[in-house]
């Protein structure tokens, strides 16, 4: 095998292997677990992603309540998140038990997946 072919093969393998180790955006959700009906709660989304440059960054974060989007933050090369770890908050009035789903996405590597959090009504 020639050196050029070996170099191309090595780059190909590293490109696909790096996806397994790639830093994907992850989120954690914090809110009250149980509230009275009609209570406005603050839902805190902790976002983590190692990479915050115009080339490699979290490009969106969403929050849904029972499948309906209640908040979305979009980021671009000129309007990046403030750091590799950041927090966003959204207020939501709970009228019945609700499932909150949050997810963030890296512009290069994708997401670690959605995170669910349930709020019960007392």
PDB file of N, CA and C in Angstrom:
ATOM      1  N   UNK A   1       0.853  -1.172   0.000  1.00  0.00           N
ATOM      2  CA  UNK A   1       0.000   0.000   0.000  1.00  0.00           C
ATOM      3  C   UNK A   1       0.903   1.240   0.000  1.00  0.00           C
ATOM      4  N   UNK A   2       0.562   2.200  -0.802  1.00  0.00           N
ATOM      5  CA  UNK A   2       1.385   3.409  -0.880  1.00  0.00           C
ATOM      6  C   UNK A   2       1.157   4.284   0.352  1.00  0.00           C
ATOM      7  N   UNK A   3       2.089   5.191   0.574  1.00  0.00           N
ATOM      8  CA  UNK A   3       1.970   6.097   1.722  1.00  0.00           C
ATOM      9  C   UNK A   3       0.733   6.975   1.597  1.00  0.00           C
ATOM     10  N   UNK A   4       0.436   7.399   0.370  1.00  0.00           N
ATOM     11  CA  UNK A   4      -0.732   8.255   0.155  1.00  0.00           C
ATOM     12  C   UNK A   4      -2.022   7.501   0.479  1.00  0.00           C
ATOM     13  N   UNK A   5      -2.127   6.260   0.023  1.00  0.00           N
ATOM     14  CA  UNK A   5      -3.315   5.448   0.287  1.00  0.00           C
ATOM     15  C   UNK A   5      -3.442   5.155   1.775  1.00  0.00           C
ATOM     16  N   UNK A   6      -2.330   4.899   2.431  1.00  0.00           N
ATOM     17  CA  UNK A   6      -2.334   4.648   3.865  1.00  0.00           C
ATOM     18  C   UNK A   6      -2.778   5.893   4.633  1.00  0.00           C
ATOM     19  N   UNK A   7      -2.318   7.054   4.206  1.00  0.00           N
ATOM     20  CA  UNK A   7      -2.709   8.308   4.852  1.00  0.00           C
ATOM     21  C   UNK A   7      -4.208   8.556   4.692  1.00  0.00           C
ATOM     22  N   UNK A   8      -4.742   8.317   3.501  1.00  0.00           N
ATOM     23  CA  UNK A   8      -6.171   8.495   3.257  1.00  0.00           C
ATOM     24  C   UNK A   8      -6.980   7.522   4.113  1.00  0.00           C
ATOM     25  N   UNK A   9      -6.530   6.277   4.178  1.00  0.00           N
ATOM     26  CA  UNK A   9      -7.215   5.280   4.993  1.00  0.00           C
ATOM     27  C   UNK A   9      -7.194   5.681   6.470  1.00  0.00           C
ATOM     28  N   UNK A  10      -6.055   6.150   6.947  1.00  0.00           N
ATOM     29  CA  UNK A  10      -5.940   6.585   8.338  1.00  0.00           C
ATOM     30  C   UNK A  10      -6.881   7.756   8.629  1.00  0.00           C
ATOM     31  N   UNK A  11      -6.938   8.730   7.738  1.00  0.00           N
ATOM     32  CA  UNK A  11      -7.856   9.861   7.916  1.00  0.00           C
ATOM     33  C   UNK A  11      -9.308   9.402   7.942  1.00  0.00           C
ATOM     34  N   UNK A  12      -9.644   8.472   7.074  1.00  0.00           N
ATOM     35  CA  UNK A  12     -11.003   7.932   7.007  1.00  0.00           C
ATOM     36  C   UNK A  12     -11.374   7.247   8.321  1.00  0.00           C
ATOM     37  N   UNK A  13     -10.487   6.415   8.839  1.00  0.00           N
ATOM     38  CA  UNK A  13     -10.732   5.699  10.092  1.00  0.00           C
ATOM     39  C   UNK A  13     -10.857   6.683  11.250  1.00  0.00           C
ATOM     40  N   UNK A  14      -9.967   7.649  11.322  1.00  0.00           N
ATOM     41  CA  UNK A  14     -10.010   8.638  12.399  1.00  0.00           C
ATOM     42  C   UNK A  14     -11.275   9.489  12.335  1.00  0.00           C
ATOM     43  N   UNK A  15     -11.713   9.816  11.144  1.00  0.00           N
ATOM     44  CA  UNK A  15     -12.927  10.628  11.000  1.00  0.00           C
ATOM     45  C   UNK A  15     -14.131   9.895  11.569  1.00  0.00           C
ATOM     46  N   UNK A  16     -14.263   8.608  11.282  1.00  0.00           N
ATOM     47  CA  UNK A  16     -15.401   7.850  11.787  1.00  0.00           C
ATOM     48  C   UNK A  16     -15.229   7.475  13.248  1.00  0.00           C
ATOM     49  N   UNK A  17     -14.021   7.179  13.662  1.00  0.00           N
ATOM     50  CA  UNK A  17     -13.785   6.842  15.065  1.00  0.00           C
ATOM     51  C   UNK A  17     -14.019   8.053  15.950  1.00  0.00           C
ATOM     52  N   UNK A  18     -13.685   9.235  15.454  1.00  0.00           N
ATOM     53  CA  UNK A  18     -13.861  10.438  16.274  1.00  0.00           C
ATOM     54  C   UNK A  18     -15.326  10.691  16.584  1.00  0.00           C
ATOM     55  N   UNK A  19     -16.248  10.216  15.743  1.00  0.00           N
ATOM     56  CA  UNK A  19     -17.668  10.387  16.027  1.00  0.00           C
ATOM     57  C   UNK A  19     -18.061   9.654  17.309  1.00  0.00           C
ATOM     58  N   UNK A  20     -17.421   8.523  17.581  1.00  0.00           N
ATOM     59  CA  UNK A  20     -17.715   7.781  18.805  1.00  0.00           C
ATOM     60  C   UNK A  20     -17.248   8.550  20.031  1.00  0.00           C
ATOM     61  N   UNK A  21     -16.170   9.307  19.895  1.00  0.00           N
ATOM     62  CA  UNK A  21     -15.616  10.088  21.005  1.00  0.00           C
ATOM     63  C   UNK A  21     -16.032  11.546  20.932  1.00  0.00           C
ATOM     64  N   UNK A  22     -16.794  11.905  19.943  1.00  0.00           N
ATOM     65  CA  UNK A  22     -17.137  13.305  19.709  1.00  0.00           C
ATOM     66  C   UNK A  22     -17.893  13.886  20.895  1.00  0.00           C
ATOM     67  N   UNK A  23     -17.672  15.151  21.084  1.00  0.00           N
ATOM     68  CA  UNK A  23     -18.356  15.859  22.145  1.00  0.00           C
ATOM     69  C   UNK A  23     -19.714  16.332  21.639  1.00  0.00           C
ATOM     70  N   UNK A  24     -20.750  15.680  22.095  1.00  0.00           N
ATOM     71  CA  UNK A  24     -22.111  16.046  21.732  1.00  0.00           C
ATOM     72  C   UNK A  24     -22.687  16.928  22.832  1.00  0.00           C
ATOM     73  N   UNK A  25     -23.603  17.778  22.475  1.00  0.00           N
ATOM     74  CA  UNK A  25     -24.244  18.639  23.461  1.00  0.00           C
ATOM     75  C   UNK A  25     -25.148  17.800  24.366  1.00  0.00           C
ATOM     76  N   UNK A  26     -25.053  18.059  25.680  1.00  0.00           N
ATOM     77  CA  UNK A  26     -25.925  17.378  26.634  1.00  0.00           C
ATOM     78  C   UNK A  26     -26.638  18.416  27.491  1.00  0.00           C
ATOM     79  N   UNK A  27     -27.781  18.016  28.029  1.00  0.00           N
ATOM     80  CA  UNK A  27     -28.556  18.904  28.894  1.00  0.00           C
ATOM     81  C   UNK A  27     -28.962  18.175  30.165  1.00  0.00           C
ATOM     82  N   UNK A  28     -29.241  18.959  31.192  1.00  0.00           N
ATOM     83  CA  UNK A  28     -29.836  18.460  32.428  1.00  0.00           C
ATOM     84  C   UNK A  28     -30.971  19.417  32.776  1.00  0.00           C
ATOM     85  N   UNK A  29     -32.061  18.873  33.312  1.00  0.00           N
ATOM     86  CA  UNK A  29     -33.241  19.666  33.619  1.00  0.00           C
ATOM     87  C   UNK A  29     -33.442  19.707  35.138  1.00  0.00           C
ATOM     88  N   UNK A  30     -33.729  20.913  35.633  1.00  0.00           N
ATOM     89  CA  UNK A  30     -34.009  21.080  37.056  1.00  0.00           C
ATOM     90  C   UNK A  30     -35.286  21.907  37.197  1.00  0.00           C
ATOM     91  N   UNK A  31     -36.219  21.407  38.000  1.00  0.00           N
ATOM     92  CA  UNK A  31     -37.475  22.107  38.278  1.00  0.00           C
ATOM     93  C   UNK A  31     -38.113  21.452  39.493  1.00  0.00           C
ATOM     94  N   UNK A  32     -39.177  22.032  39.994  1.00  0.00           N
ATOM     95  CA  UNK A  32     -39.929  21.411  41.087  1.00  0.00           C
ATOM     96  C   UNK A  32     -40.541  20.121  40.575  1.00  0.00           C
ATOM     97  N   UNK A  33     -40.511  19.079  41.402  1.00  0.00           N
ATOM     98  CA  UNK A  33     -41.064  17.791  40.982  1.00  0.00           C
ATOM     99  C   UNK A  33     -42.567  17.706  41.168  1.00  0.00           C
ATOM    100  N   UNK A  34     -43.110  18.554  42.074  1.00  0.00           N
ATOM    101  CA  UNK A  34     -44.537  18.527  42.348  1.00  0.00           C
ATOM    102  C   UNK A  34     -44.977  19.927  42.762  1.00  0.00           C
ATOM    103  N   UNK A  35     -46.051  20.408  42.146  1.00  0.00           N
ATOM    104  CA  UNK A  35     -46.564  21.747  42.441  1.00  0.00           C
ATOM    105  C   UNK A  35     -48.088  21.721  42.459  1.00  0.00           C
ATOM    106  N   UNK A  36     -48.682  22.770  43.000  1.00  0.00           N
ATOM    107  CA  UNK A  36     -50.140  22.920  42.957  1.00  0.00           C
ATOM    108  C   UNK A  36     -50.538  23.361  41.550  1.00  0.00           C
ATOM    109  N   UNK A  37     -51.712  22.949  41.125  1.00  0.00           N
ATOM    110  CA  UNK A  37     -52.210  23.357  39.801  1.00  0.00           C
ATOM    111  C   UNK A  37     -52.251  24.878  39.719  1.00  0.00           C
ATOM    112  N   UNK A  38     -51.830  25.413  38.580  1.00  0.00           N
ATOM    113  CA  UNK A  38     -51.820  26.854  38.361  1.00  0.00           C
ATOM    114  C   UNK A  38     -50.522  27.530  38.785  1.00  0.00           C
ATOM    115  N   UNK A  39     -49.563  26.771  39.279  1.00  0.00           N
ATOM    116  CA  UNK A  39     -48.287  27.328  39.727  1.00  0.00           C
ATOM    117  C   UNK A  39     -47.347  27.568  38.553  1.00  0.00           C
ATOM    118  N   UNK A  40     -46.727  28.732  38.535  1.00  0.00           N
ATOM    119  CA  UNK A  40     -45.701  29.010  37.538  1.00  0.00           C
ATOM    120  C   UNK A  40     -44.374  28.491  38.085  1.00  0.00           C
ATOM    121  N   UNK A  41     -43.728  27.620  37.325  1.00  0.00           N
ATOM    122  CA  UNK A  41     -42.440  27.054  37.748  1.00  0.00           C
ATOM    123  C   UNK A  41     -41.338  27.564  36.836  1.00  0.00           C
ATOM    124  N   UNK A  42     -40.153  27.624  37.387  1.00  0.00           N
ATOM    125  CA  UNK A  42     -38.968  27.948  36.597  1.00  0.00           C
ATOM    126  C   UNK A  42     -38.273  26.642  36.256  1.00  0.00           C
ATOM    127  N   UNK A  43     -38.102  26.403  34.980  1.00  0.00           N
ATOM    128  CA  UNK A  43     -37.413  25.204  34.496  1.00  0.00           C
ATOM    129  C   UNK A  43     -36.009  25.647  34.092  1.00  0.00           C
ATOM    130  N   UNK A  44     -35.015  25.044  34.716  1.00  0.00           N
ATOM    131  CA  UNK A  44     -33.628  25.397  34.452  1.00  0.00           C
ATOM    132  C   UNK A  44     -32.990  24.308  33.591  1.00  0.00           C
ATOM    133  N   UNK A  45     -32.372  24.724  32.503  1.00  0.00           N
ATOM    134  CA  UNK A  45     -31.694  23.807  31.593  1.00  0.00           C
ATOM    135  C   UNK A  45     -30.195  24.082  31.689  1.00  0.00           C
ATOM    136  N   UNK A  46     -29.442  23.093  32.161  1.00  0.00           N
ATOM    137  CA  UNK A  46     -27.979  23.179  32.211  1.00  0.00           C
ATOM    138  C   UNK A  46     -27.444  22.521  30.948  1.00  0.00           C
ATOM    139  N   UNK A  47     -26.722  23.272  30.144  1.00  0.00           N
ATOM    140  CA  UNK A  47     -26.209  22.791  28.863  1.00  0.00           C
ATOM    141  C   UNK A  47     -24.691  22.639  28.959  1.00  0.00           C
ATOM    142  N   UNK A  48     -24.182  21.507  28.483  1.00  0.00           N
ATOM    143  CA  UNK A  48     -22.750  21.244  28.508  1.00  0.00           C
ATOM    144  C   UNK A  48     -22.280  20.816  27.130  1.00  0.00           C
ATOM    145  N   UNK A  49     -21.196  21.458  26.682  1.00  0.00           N
ATOM    146  CA  UNK A  49     -20.599  21.117  25.394  1.00  0.00           C
ATOM    147  C   UNK A  49     -19.179  21.658  25.356  1.00  0.00           C
ATOM    148  N   UNK A  50     -18.211  20.785  25.167  1.00  0.00           N
ATOM    149  CA  UNK A  50     -16.814  21.218  25.081  1.00  0.00           C
ATOM    150  C   UNK A  50     -16.546  21.702  23.668  1.00  0.00           C
ATOM    151  N   UNK A  51     -16.639  22.959  23.492  1.00  0.00           N
ATOM    152  CA  UNK A  51     -16.447  23.568  22.186  1.00  0.00           C
ATOM    153  C   UNK A  51     -17.348  24.776  22.092  1.00  0.00           C
ATOM    154  N   UNK A  52     -16.780  25.915  21.886  1.00  0.00           N
ATOM    155  CA  UNK A  52     -17.597  27.120  21.823  1.00  0.00           C
ATOM    156  C   UNK A  52     -16.891  28.142  20.940  1.00  0.00           C
ATOM    157  N   UNK A  53     -16.781  27.787  19.677  1.00  0.00           N
ATOM    158  CA  UNK A  53     -16.164  28.689  18.706  1.00  0.00           C
ATOM    159  C   UNK A  53     -17.103  28.831  17.521  1.00  0.00           C
ATOM    160  N   UNK A  54     -16.777  29.725  16.627  1.00  0.00           N
ATOM    161  CA  UNK A  54     -17.600  29.911  15.445  1.00  0.00           C
ATOM    162  C   UNK A  54     -17.709  28.655  14.600  1.00  0.00           C
ATOM    163  N   UNK A  55     -16.731  27.771  14.722  1.00  0.00           N
ATOM    164  CA  UNK A  55     -16.713  26.543  13.933  1.00  0.00           C
ATOM    165  C   UNK A  55     -17.403  25.382  14.651  1.00  0.00           C
ATOM    166  N   UNK A  56     -17.320  25.314  15.992  1.00  0.00           N
ATOM    167  CA  UNK A  56     -17.793  24.159  16.760  1.00  0.00           C
ATOM    168  C   UNK A  56     -18.494  24.653  18.021  1.00  0.00           C
ATOM    169  N   UNK A  57     -19.821  24.500  18.068  1.00  0.00           N
ATOM    170  CA  UNK A  57     -20.585  25.035  19.192  1.00  0.00           C
ATOM    171  C   UNK A  57     -21.963  24.371  19.278  1.00  0.00           C
ATOM    172  N   UNK A  58     -22.636  24.607  20.393  1.00  0.00           N
ATOM    173  CA  UNK A  58     -24.042  24.232  20.501  1.00  0.00           C
ATOM    174  C   UNK A  58     -24.811  25.173  19.583  1.00  0.00           C
ATOM    175  N   UNK A  59     -25.595  24.601  18.664  1.00  0.00           N
ATOM    176  CA  UNK A  59     -26.316  25.484  17.747  1.00  0.00           C
ATOM    177  C   UNK A  59     -27.798  25.642  18.087  1.00  0.00           C
ATOM    178  N   UNK A  60     -28.347  24.777  18.951  1.00  0.00           N
ATOM    179  CA  UNK A  60     -29.699  25.010  19.439  1.00  0.00           C
ATOM    180  C   UNK A  60     -29.969  24.216  20.709  1.00  0.00           C
ATOM    181  N   UNK A  61     -30.942  24.735  21.470  1.00  0.00           N
ATOM    182  CA  UNK A  61     -31.454  24.072  22.673  1.00  0.00           C
ATOM    183  C   UNK A  61     -32.965  24.267  22.646  1.00  0.00           C
ATOM    184  N   UNK A  62     -33.708  23.199  22.897  1.00  0.00           N
ATOM    185  CA  UNK A  62     -35.169  23.306  22.933  1.00  0.00           C
ATOM    186  C   UNK A  62     -35.715  22.745  24.238  1.00  0.00           C
ATOM    187  N   UNK A  63     -36.901  23.235  24.609  1.00  0.00           N
ATOM    188  CA  UNK A  63     -37.644  22.714  25.752  1.00  0.00           C
ATOM    189  C   UNK A  63     -39.080  22.522  25.296  1.00  0.00           C
ATOM    190  N   UNK A  64     -39.611  21.325  25.553  1.00  0.00           N
ATOM    191  CA  UNK A  64     -40.999  21.026  25.200  1.00  0.00           C
ATOM    192  C   UNK A  64     -41.760  20.598  26.449  1.00  0.00           C
ATOM    193  N   UNK A  65     -43.034  20.962  26.496  1.00  0.00           N
ATOM    194  CA  UNK A  65     -43.951  20.531  27.558  1.00  0.00           C
ATOM    195  C   UNK A  65     -45.036  19.697  26.898  1.00  0.00           C
ATOM    196  N   UNK A  66     -45.074  18.417  27.234  1.00  0.00           N
ATOM    197  CA  UNK A  66     -46.029  17.488  26.610  1.00  0.00           C
ATOM    198  C   UNK A  66     -45.989  17.591  25.084  1.00  0.00           C
ATOM    199  N   UNK A  67     -44.789  17.682  24.539  1.00  0.00           N
ATOM    200  CA  UNK A  67     -44.593  17.683  23.091  1.00  0.00           C
ATOM    201  C   UNK A  67     -44.718  19.028  22.402  1.00  0.00           C
ATOM    202  N   UNK A  68     -45.080  20.062  23.137  1.00  0.00           N
ATOM    203  CA  UNK A  68     -45.236  21.398  22.546  1.00  0.00           C
ATOM    204  C   UNK A  68     -44.024  22.248  22.935  1.00  0.00           C
ATOM    205  N   UNK A  69     -43.351  22.799  21.936  1.00  0.00           N
ATOM    206  CA  UNK A  69     -42.175  23.617  22.218  1.00  0.00           C
ATOM    207  C   UNK A  69     -42.566  24.871  22.990  1.00  0.00           C
ATOM    208  N   UNK A  70     -41.900  25.066  24.148  1.00  0.00           N
ATOM    209  CA  UNK A  70     -42.177  26.252  24.963  1.00  0.00           C
ATOM    210  C   UNK A  70     -40.974  27.201  25.006  1.00  0.00           C
ATOM    211  N   UNK A  71     -39.819  26.727  24.552  1.00  0.00           N
ATOM    212  CA  UNK A  71     -38.638  27.600  24.496  1.00  0.00           C
ATOM    213  C   UNK A  71     -37.641  27.020  23.503  1.00  0.00           C
ATOM    214  N   UNK A  72     -36.935  27.936  22.840  1.00  0.00           N
ATOM    215  CA  UNK A  72     -35.886  27.527  21.897  1.00  0.00           C
ATOM    216  C   UNK A  72     -34.843  28.638  21.840  1.00  0.00           C
ATOM    217  N   UNK A  73     -33.589  28.224  21.890  1.00  0.00           N
ATOM    218  CA  UNK A  73     -32.481  29.165  21.747  1.00  0.00           C
ATOM    219  C   UNK A  73     -31.621  28.680  20.598  1.00  0.00           C
ATOM    220  N   UNK A  74     -31.369  29.548  19.636  1.00  0.00           N
ATOM    221  CA  UNK A  74     -30.537  29.227  18.477  1.00  0.00           C
ATOM    222  C   UNK A  74     -29.243  30.024  18.571  1.00  0.00           C
ATOM    223  N   UNK A  75     -28.149  29.380  18.213  1.00  0.00           N
ATOM    224  CA  UNK A  75     -26.836  30.014  18.265  1.00  0.00           C
ATOM    225  C   UNK A  75     -26.151  29.879  16.911  1.00  0.00           C
ATOM    226  N   UNK A  76     -25.354  30.883  16.582  1.00  0.00           N
ATOM    227  CA  UNK A  76     -24.597  30.892  15.324  1.00  0.00           C
ATOM    228  C   UNK A  76     -23.189  31.365  15.626  1.00  0.00           C
ATOM    229  N   UNK A  77     -22.345  31.363  14.613  1.00  0.00           N
ATOM    230  CA  UNK A  77     -20.958  31.771  14.774  1.00  0.00           C
ATOM    231  C   UNK A  77     -20.765  33.135  15.393  1.00  0.00           C
ATOM    232  N   UNK A  78     -21.709  34.059  15.153  1.00  0.00           N
ATOM    233  CA  UNK A  78     -21.570  35.411  15.703  1.00  0.00           C
ATOM    234  C   UNK A  78     -22.377  35.617  16.976  1.00  0.00           C
ATOM    235  N   UNK A  79     -23.226  34.688  17.328  1.00  0.00           N
ATOM    236  CA  UNK A  79     -24.007  34.787  18.568  1.00  0.00           C
ATOM    237  C   UNK A  79     -23.931  33.443  19.298  1.00  0.00           C
ATOM    238  N   UNK A  80     -22.759  33.181  19.857  1.00  0.00           N
ATOM    239  CA  UNK A  80     -22.485  31.907  20.524  1.00  0.00           C
ATOM    240  C   UNK A  80     -22.999  31.901  21.957  1.00  0.00           C
ATOM    241  N   UNK A  81     -23.154  30.690  22.543  1.00  0.00           N
ATOM    242  CA  UNK A  81     -23.413  30.626  23.979  1.00  0.00           C
ATOM    243  C   UNK A  81     -22.244  31.290  24.723  1.00  0.00           C
ATOM    244  N   UNK A  82     -22.505  31.761  25.929  1.00  0.00           N
ATOM    245  CA  UNK A  82     -21.484  32.489  26.670  1.00  0.00           C
ATOM    246  C   UNK A  82     -20.297  31.639  27.116  1.00  0.00           C
ATOM    247  N   UNK A  83     -20.482  30.313  27.199  1.00  0.00           N
ATOM    248  CA  UNK A  83     -19.371  29.434  27.580  1.00  0.00           C
ATOM    249  C   UNK A  83     -19.714  27.997  27.194  1.00  0.00           C
ATOM    250  N   UNK A  84     -18.780  27.087  27.451  1.00  0.00           N
ATOM    251  CA  UNK A  84     -19.003  25.674  27.131  1.00  0.00           C
ATOM    252  C   UNK A  84     -20.086  25.064  28.020  1.00  0.00           C
ATOM    253  N   UNK A  85     -20.266  25.612  29.210  1.00  0.00           N
ATOM    254  CA  UNK A  85     -21.349  25.214  30.108  1.00  0.00           C
ATOM    255  C   UNK A  85     -22.180  26.463  30.376  1.00  0.00           C
ATOM    256  N   UNK A  86     -23.475  26.380  30.112  1.00  0.00           N
ATOM    257  CA  UNK A  86     -24.325  27.542  30.327  1.00  0.00           C
ATOM    258  C   UNK A  86     -25.721  27.107  30.751  1.00  0.00           C
ATOM    259  N   UNK A  87     -26.486  28.065  31.244  1.00  0.00           N
ATOM    260  CA  UNK A  87     -27.824  27.808  31.774  1.00  0.00           C
ATOM    261  C   UNK A  87     -28.839  28.675  31.041  1.00  0.00           C
ATOM    262  N   UNK A  88     -29.997  28.096  30.778  1.00  0.00           N
ATOM    263  CA  UNK A  88     -31.135  28.836  30.264  1.00  0.00           C
ATOM    264  C   UNK A  88     -32.326  28.496  31.151  1.00  0.00           C
ATOM    265  N   UNK A  89     -33.221  29.459  31.319  1.00  0.00           N
ATOM    266  CA  UNK A  89     -34.413  29.235  32.128  1.00  0.00           C
ATOM    267  C   UNK A  89     -35.654  29.600  31.336  1.00  0.00           C
ATOM    268  N   UNK A  90     -36.730  28.891  31.639  1.00  0.00           N
ATOM    269  CA  UNK A  90     -38.021  29.184  31.040  1.00  0.00           C
ATOM    270  C   UNK A  90     -39.075  29.033  32.135  1.00  0.00           C
ATOM    271  N   UNK A  91     -40.046  29.910  32.137  1.00  0.00           N
ATOM    272  CA  UNK A  91     -41.156  29.835  33.094  1.00  0.00           C
ATOM    273  C   UNK A  91     -42.327  29.148  32.406  1.00  0.00           C
ATOM    274  N   UNK A  92     -43.022  28.308  33.174  1.00  0.00           N
ATOM    275  CA  UNK A  92     -44.137  27.552  32.618  1.00  0.00           C
ATOM    276  C   UNK A  92     -45.194  27.376  33.706  1.00  0.00           C
ATOM    277  N   UNK A  93     -46.450  27.631  33.378  1.00  0.00           N
ATOM    278  CA  UNK A  93     -47.539  27.448  34.327  1.00  0.00           C
ATOM    279  C   UNK A  93     -48.066  26.022  34.208  1.00  0.00           C
ATOM    280  N   UNK A  94     -47.975  25.295  35.307  1.00  0.00           N
ATOM    281  CA  UNK A  94     -48.376  23.890  35.343  1.00  0.00           C
ATOM    282  C   UNK A  94     -49.846  23.808  35.747  1.00  0.00           C
ATOM    283  N   UNK A  95     -50.669  23.271  34.869  1.00  0.00           N
ATOM    284  CA  UNK A  95     -52.104  23.125  35.161  1.00  0.00           C
ATOM    285  C   UNK A  95     -52.491  21.664  35.368  1.00  0.00           C
ATOM    286  N   UNK A  96     -51.631  20.770  34.895  1.00  0.00           N
ATOM    287  CA  UNK A  96     -51.847  19.319  35.020  1.00  0.00           C
ATOM    288  C   UNK A  96     -50.467  18.669  35.005  1.00  0.00           C
ATOM    289  N   UNK A  97     -50.366  17.391  35.360  1.00  0.00           N
ATOM    290  CA  UNK A  97     -49.055  16.741  35.287  1.00  0.00           C
ATOM    291  C   UNK A  97     -48.463  16.919  33.881  1.00  0.00           C
ATOM    292  N   UNK A  98     -47.178  17.192  33.814  1.00  0.00           N
ATOM    293  CA  UNK A  98     -46.563  17.507  32.529  1.00  0.00           C
ATOM    294  C   UNK A  98     -45.184  16.856  32.425  1.00  0.00           C
ATOM    295  N   UNK A  99     -44.854  16.454  31.210  1.00  0.00           N
ATOM    296  CA  UNK A  99     -43.512  15.928  30.946  1.00  0.00           C
ATOM    297  C   UNK A  99     -42.737  16.988  30.173  1.00  0.00           C
ATOM    298  N   UNK A 100     -41.605  17.375  30.729  1.00  0.00           N
ATOM    299  CA  UNK A 100     -40.724  18.347  30.105  1.00  0.00           C
ATOM    300  C   UNK A 100     -39.620  17.568  29.390  1.00  0.00           C
ATOM    301  N   UNK A 101     -39.381  17.914  28.138  1.00  0.00           N
ATOM    302  CA  UNK A 101     -38.308  17.304  27.354  1.00  0.00           C
ATOM    303  C   UNK A 101     -37.372  18.418  26.908  1.00  0.00           C
ATOM    304  N   UNK A 102     -36.091  18.284  27.224  1.00  0.00           N
ATOM    305  CA  UNK A 102     -35.096  19.264  26.789  1.00  0.00           C
ATOM    306  C   UNK A 102     -34.027  18.552  25.980  1.00  0.00           C
ATOM    307  N   UNK A 103     -33.465  19.276  25.019  1.00  0.00           N
ATOM    308  CA  UNK A 103     -32.411  18.709  24.184  1.00  0.00           C
ATOM    309  C   UNK A 103     -31.555  19.836  23.634  1.00  0.00           C
ATOM    310  N   UNK A 104     -30.259  19.584  23.522  1.00  0.00           N
ATOM    311  CA  UNK A 104     -29.342  20.507  22.888  1.00  0.00           C
ATOM    312  C   UNK A 104     -28.657  19.805  21.727  1.00  0.00           C
ATOM    313  N   UNK A 105     -28.061  20.580  20.838  1.00  0.00           N
ATOM    314  CA  UNK A 105     -27.480  20.002  19.618  1.00  0.00           C
ATOM    315  C   UNK A 105     -26.188  20.713  19.259  1.00  0.00           C
ATOM    316  N   UNK A 106     -25.128  19.952  19.004  1.00  0.00           N
ATOM    317  CA  UNK A 106     -23.840  20.480  18.529  1.00  0.00           C
ATOM    318  C   UNK A 106     -23.888  20.578  17.010  1.00  0.00           C
ATOM    319  N   UNK A 107     -23.377  21.663  16.472  1.00  0.00           N
ATOM    320  CA  UNK A 107     -23.435  21.851  15.024  1.00  0.00           C
ATOM    321  C   UNK A 107     -22.607  20.825  14.257  1.00  0.00           C
ATOM    322  N   UNK A 108     -21.637  20.169  14.910  1.00  0.00           N
ATOM    323  CA  UNK A 108     -20.827  19.155  14.230  1.00  0.00           C
ATOM    324  C   UNK A 108     -21.159  17.722  14.633  1.00  0.00           C
ATOM    325  N   UNK A 109     -21.452  17.498  15.909  1.00  0.00           N
ATOM    326  CA  UNK A 109     -21.553  16.131  16.413  1.00  0.00           C
ATOM    327  C   UNK A 109     -22.941  15.707  16.870  1.00  0.00           C
ATOM    328  N   UNK A 110     -23.874  16.635  16.903  1.00  0.00           N
ATOM    329  CA  UNK A 110     -25.226  16.257  17.286  1.00  0.00           C
ATOM    330  C   UNK A 110     -25.495  16.356  18.775  1.00  0.00           C
ATOM    331  N   UNK A 111     -26.383  15.503  19.247  1.00  0.00           N
ATOM    332  CA  UNK A 111     -26.898  15.568  20.611  1.00  0.00           C
ATOM    333  C   UNK A 111     -26.674  14.259  21.349  1.00  0.00           C
ATOM    334  N   UNK A 112     -26.542  14.350  22.665  1.00  0.00           N
ATOM    335  CA  UNK A 112     -26.523  13.137  23.486  1.00  0.00           C
ATOM    336  C   UNK A 112     -27.934  12.607  23.671  1.00  0.00           C
ATOM    337  N   UNK A 113     -28.917  13.341  23.165  1.00  0.00           N
ATOM    338  CA  UNK A 113     -30.301  12.898  23.215  1.00  0.00           C
ATOM    339  C   UNK A 113     -31.141  13.741  24.151  1.00  0.00           C
ATOM    340  N   UNK A 114     -32.449  13.580  24.034  1.00  0.00           N
ATOM    341  CA  UNK A 114     -33.359  14.352  24.880  1.00  0.00           C
ATOM    342  C   UNK A 114     -33.335  13.856  26.321  1.00  0.00           C
ATOM    343  N   UNK A 115     -33.663  14.766  27.247  1.00  0.00           N
ATOM    344  CA  UNK A 115     -33.769  14.439  28.658  1.00  0.00           C
ATOM    345  C   UNK A 115     -35.186  14.761  29.108  1.00  0.00           C
ATOM    346  N   UNK A 116     -35.822  13.821  29.790  1.00  0.00           N
ATOM    347  CA  UNK A 116     -37.196  14.002  30.250  1.00  0.00           C
ATOM    348  C   UNK A 116     -37.234  14.301  31.744  1.00  0.00           C
ATOM    349  N   UNK A 117     -38.195  15.114  32.145  1.00  0.00           N
ATOM    350  CA  UNK A 117     -38.395  15.467  33.544  1.00  0.00           C
ATOM    351  C   UNK A 117     -39.898  15.630  33.742  1.00  0.00           C
ATOM    352  N   UNK A 118     -40.454  14.968  34.754  1.00  0.00           N
ATOM    353  CA  UNK A 118     -41.897  15.037  34.993  1.00  0.00           C
ATOM    354  C   UNK A 118     -42.204  15.927  36.191  1.00  0.00           C
ATOM    355  N   UNK A 119     -43.231  16.749  36.018  1.00  0.00           N
ATOM    356  CA  UNK A 119     -43.719  17.601  37.098  1.00  0.00           C
ATOM    357  C   UNK A 119     -45.138  17.121  37.432  1.00  0.00           C
ATOM    358  N   UNK A 120     -45.329  16.728  38.681  1.00  0.00           N
ATOM    359  CA  UNK A 120     -46.634  16.246  39.140  1.00  0.00           C
ATOM    360  C   UNK A 120     -47.442  17.411  39.702  1.00  0.00           C
ATOM    361  N   UNK A 121     -48.749  17.228  39.751  1.00  0.00           N
ATOM    362  CA  UNK A 121     -49.640  18.219  40.360  1.00  0.00           C
ATOM    363  C   UNK A 121     -50.168  17.614  41.656  1.00  0.00           C
ATOM    364  N   UNK A 122     -50.078  18.408  42.722  1.00  0.00           N
ATOM    365  CA  UNK A 122     -50.507  17.953  44.060  1.00  0.00           C
ATOM    366  C   UNK A 122     -52.015  17.984  44.184  1.00  0.00           C
TER     367      UNK A 122
END
